[in-house]
Amino acid sequence: MPKNKTHSGIAKRVKVTARGKLLRQQAGLRHRLEVKSSKETRDLSHVVPVSKADARRVRKLLGL
């Protein structure tokens, strides 16, 4: 049976911690930054965990 390939698109977007948590960057920080307040920009710049609803699918794509 051949090995499964990691989905390279999701591999670039998600980091797996040593304990197996999935972390992602928040969306909405790429354009229209002049319109957004400094507080909104700061809040969006944090790394957050992948939601429970998506975690199973993301793990499958990563081959975990």
N, C-alpha and C. Protein backbone atom coordinates (compact mmCIF):
# COMPACT_ATOMS: atom_id res chain seq x y z
N MET A 1 0.84 -1.19 0.00
CA MET A 1 0.00 0.00 0.00
C MET A 1 0.89 1.25 0.00
N PRO A 2 0.62 2.23 -0.89
CA PRO A 2 1.48 3.42 -0.94
C PRO A 2 1.25 4.34 0.26
N LYS A 3 2.27 5.13 0.55
CA LYS A 3 2.16 6.09 1.64
C LYS A 3 1.15 7.17 1.28
N ASN A 4 0.51 7.74 2.29
CA ASN A 4 -0.37 8.88 2.04
C ASN A 4 0.46 10.14 1.92
N LYS A 5 0.05 11.04 1.05
CA LYS A 5 0.76 12.30 0.90
C LYS A 5 0.11 13.37 1.76
N THR A 6 0.94 14.19 2.37
CA THR A 6 0.47 15.33 3.13
C THR A 6 -0.10 16.36 2.15
N HIS A 7 -1.22 16.98 2.51
CA HIS A 7 -1.80 18.05 1.69
C HIS A 7 -0.93 19.28 1.89
N SER A 8 -0.16 19.67 0.86
CA SER A 8 0.83 20.73 1.03
C SER A 8 0.19 22.08 1.34
N GLY A 9 -1.04 22.30 0.85
CA GLY A 9 -1.71 23.57 1.13
C GLY A 9 -2.01 23.75 2.60
N ILE A 10 -2.50 22.69 3.25
CA ILE A 10 -2.83 22.79 4.68
C ILE A 10 -1.56 22.77 5.51
N ALA A 11 -0.52 22.08 5.03
CA ALA A 11 0.74 22.01 5.76
C ALA A 11 1.38 23.39 5.90
N LYS A 12 1.16 24.25 4.91
CA LYS A 12 1.71 25.61 4.96
C LYS A 12 0.93 26.51 5.91
N ARG A 13 -0.31 26.14 6.20
CA ARG A 13 -1.19 27.02 6.97
C ARG A 13 -1.34 26.63 8.43
N VAL A 14 -0.99 25.39 8.77
CA VAL A 14 -1.24 24.89 10.12
C VAL A 14 0.06 24.37 10.71
N LYS A 15 0.28 24.70 11.99
CA LYS A 15 1.45 24.20 12.71
C LYS A 15 0.98 23.24 13.78
N VAL A 16 1.70 22.13 13.94
CA VAL A 16 1.37 21.16 14.99
C VAL A 16 2.37 21.35 16.12
N THR A 17 1.85 21.56 17.34
CA THR A 17 2.73 21.74 18.49
C THR A 17 3.25 20.38 18.96
N ALA A 18 4.17 20.41 19.92
CA ALA A 18 4.76 19.17 20.45
C ALA A 18 3.71 18.29 21.10
N ARG A 19 2.67 18.89 21.64
CA ARG A 19 1.60 18.11 22.28
C ARG A 19 0.46 17.77 21.34
N GLY A 20 0.61 18.15 20.07
CA GLY A 20 -0.38 17.75 19.08
C GLY A 20 -1.49 18.74 18.82
N LYS A 21 -1.40 19.95 19.38
CA LYS A 21 -2.41 20.97 19.09
C LYS A 21 -2.17 21.50 17.69
N LEU A 22 -3.25 21.92 17.03
CA LEU A 22 -3.17 22.51 15.70
C LEU A 22 -3.36 24.02 15.83
N LEU A 23 -2.39 24.79 15.34
CA LEU A 23 -2.46 26.24 15.42
C LEU A 23 -2.51 26.82 14.02
N ARG A 24 -3.27 27.92 13.89
CA ARG A 24 -3.40 28.60 12.60
C ARG A 24 -3.37 30.10 12.81
N GLN A 25 -3.05 30.83 11.75
CA GLN A 25 -3.11 32.29 11.77
C GLN A 25 -4.54 32.72 11.49
N GLN A 26 -4.97 33.82 12.09
CA GLN A 26 -6.33 34.28 11.85
C GLN A 26 -6.44 34.96 10.49
N ALA A 27 -7.63 34.89 9.91
CA ALA A 27 -7.88 35.50 8.61
C ALA A 27 -8.20 36.99 8.77
N GLY A 28 -8.06 37.73 7.70
CA GLY A 28 -8.49 39.12 7.68
C GLY A 28 -7.38 40.13 7.91
N LEU A 29 -6.12 39.72 7.74
CA LEU A 29 -5.02 40.64 8.03
C LEU A 29 -4.17 40.91 6.78
N ARG A 30 -4.75 40.70 5.61
CA ARG A 30 -3.97 40.82 4.37
C ARG A 30 -4.26 42.12 3.60
N HIS A 31 -5.44 42.68 3.74
CA HIS A 31 -5.74 43.89 2.98
C HIS A 31 -6.75 44.73 3.76
N ARG A 32 -6.99 45.94 3.26
CA ARG A 32 -7.88 46.93 3.91
C ARG A 32 -7.43 47.25 5.32
N LEU A 33 -6.14 47.29 5.55
CA LEU A 33 -5.62 47.51 6.90
C LEU A 33 -5.79 48.96 7.35
N GLU A 34 -5.88 49.89 6.38
CA GLU A 34 -6.08 51.29 6.75
C GLU A 34 -7.43 51.49 7.42
N VAL A 35 -8.41 50.69 7.03
CA VAL A 35 -9.77 50.81 7.55
C VAL A 35 -9.88 50.23 8.95
N LYS A 36 -9.12 49.18 9.21
CA LYS A 36 -9.23 48.48 10.49
C LYS A 36 -8.50 49.25 11.59
N SER A 37 -9.07 49.19 12.77
CA SER A 37 -8.45 49.88 13.91
C SER A 37 -7.19 49.12 14.33
N SER A 38 -6.33 49.81 15.08
CA SER A 38 -5.10 49.18 15.57
C SER A 38 -5.41 48.00 16.47
N LYS A 39 -6.47 48.14 17.26
CA LYS A 39 -6.88 47.05 18.15
C LYS A 39 -7.29 45.82 17.35
N GLU A 40 -8.07 46.04 16.28
CA GLU A 40 -8.51 44.92 15.44
C GLU A 40 -7.31 44.25 14.78
N THR A 41 -6.36 45.06 14.29
CA THR A 41 -5.16 44.52 13.66
C THR A 41 -4.36 43.70 14.65
N ARG A 42 -4.20 44.21 15.87
CA ARG A 42 -3.46 43.47 16.91
C ARG A 42 -4.14 42.16 17.24
N ASP A 43 -5.46 42.20 17.40
CA ASP A 43 -6.21 41.00 17.77
C ASP A 43 -6.14 39.93 16.68
N LEU A 44 -6.12 40.35 15.42
CA LEU A 44 -6.05 39.40 14.31
C LEU A 44 -4.67 38.80 14.12
N SER A 45 -3.65 39.44 14.70
CA SER A 45 -2.27 39.00 14.45
C SER A 45 -1.87 37.80 15.29
N HIS A 46 -2.72 37.35 16.21
CA HIS A 46 -2.36 36.22 17.06
C HIS A 46 -2.58 34.89 16.37
N VAL A 47 -1.85 33.88 16.84
CA VAL A 47 -2.03 32.51 16.38
C VAL A 47 -3.09 31.87 17.27
N VAL A 48 -4.05 31.18 16.67
CA VAL A 48 -5.15 30.59 17.43
C VAL A 48 -5.29 29.11 17.10
N PRO A 49 -5.88 28.32 18.00
CA PRO A 49 -6.08 26.90 17.70
C PRO A 49 -7.14 26.70 16.62
N VAL A 50 -7.00 25.62 15.87
CA VAL A 50 -8.00 25.23 14.88
C VAL A 50 -9.25 24.80 15.64
N SER A 51 -10.44 25.16 15.15
CA SER A 51 -11.68 24.82 15.84
C SER A 51 -11.87 23.30 15.89
N LYS A 52 -12.61 22.85 16.91
CA LYS A 52 -12.85 21.41 17.06
C LYS A 52 -13.56 20.83 15.85
N ALA A 53 -14.45 21.62 15.26
CA ALA A 53 -15.21 21.15 14.11
C ALA A 53 -14.30 20.86 12.92
N ASP A 54 -13.20 21.61 12.78
CA ASP A 54 -12.30 21.45 11.64
C ASP A 54 -11.10 20.57 11.95
N ALA A 55 -10.81 20.34 13.22
CA ALA A 55 -9.56 19.67 13.62
C ALA A 55 -9.43 18.27 13.01
N ARG A 56 -10.52 17.52 13.01
CA ARG A 56 -10.47 16.15 12.50
C ARG A 56 -10.10 16.12 11.02
N ARG A 57 -10.72 17.01 10.25
CA ARG A 57 -10.45 17.09 8.81
C ARG A 57 -9.01 17.54 8.55
N VAL A 58 -8.54 18.51 9.33
CA VAL A 58 -7.18 19.02 9.17
C VAL A 58 -6.16 17.92 9.49
N ARG A 59 -6.40 17.18 10.55
CA ARG A 59 -5.50 16.06 10.90
C ARG A 59 -5.41 15.05 9.77
N LYS A 60 -6.54 14.76 9.15
CA LYS A 60 -6.57 13.80 8.04
C LYS A 60 -5.74 14.32 6.87
N LEU A 61 -5.88 15.61 6.57
CA LEU A 61 -5.12 16.20 5.46
C LEU A 61 -3.62 16.22 5.75
N LEU A 62 -3.26 16.36 7.04
CA LEU A 62 -1.85 16.37 7.43
C LEU A 62 -1.28 14.96 7.53
N GLY A 63 -2.16 13.97 7.54
CA GLY A 63 -1.70 12.60 7.66
C GLY A 63 -1.40 12.20 9.08
N LEU A 64 -2.07 12.84 10.04
CA LEU A 64 -1.85 12.51 11.47
C LEU A 64 -2.85 11.49 11.96
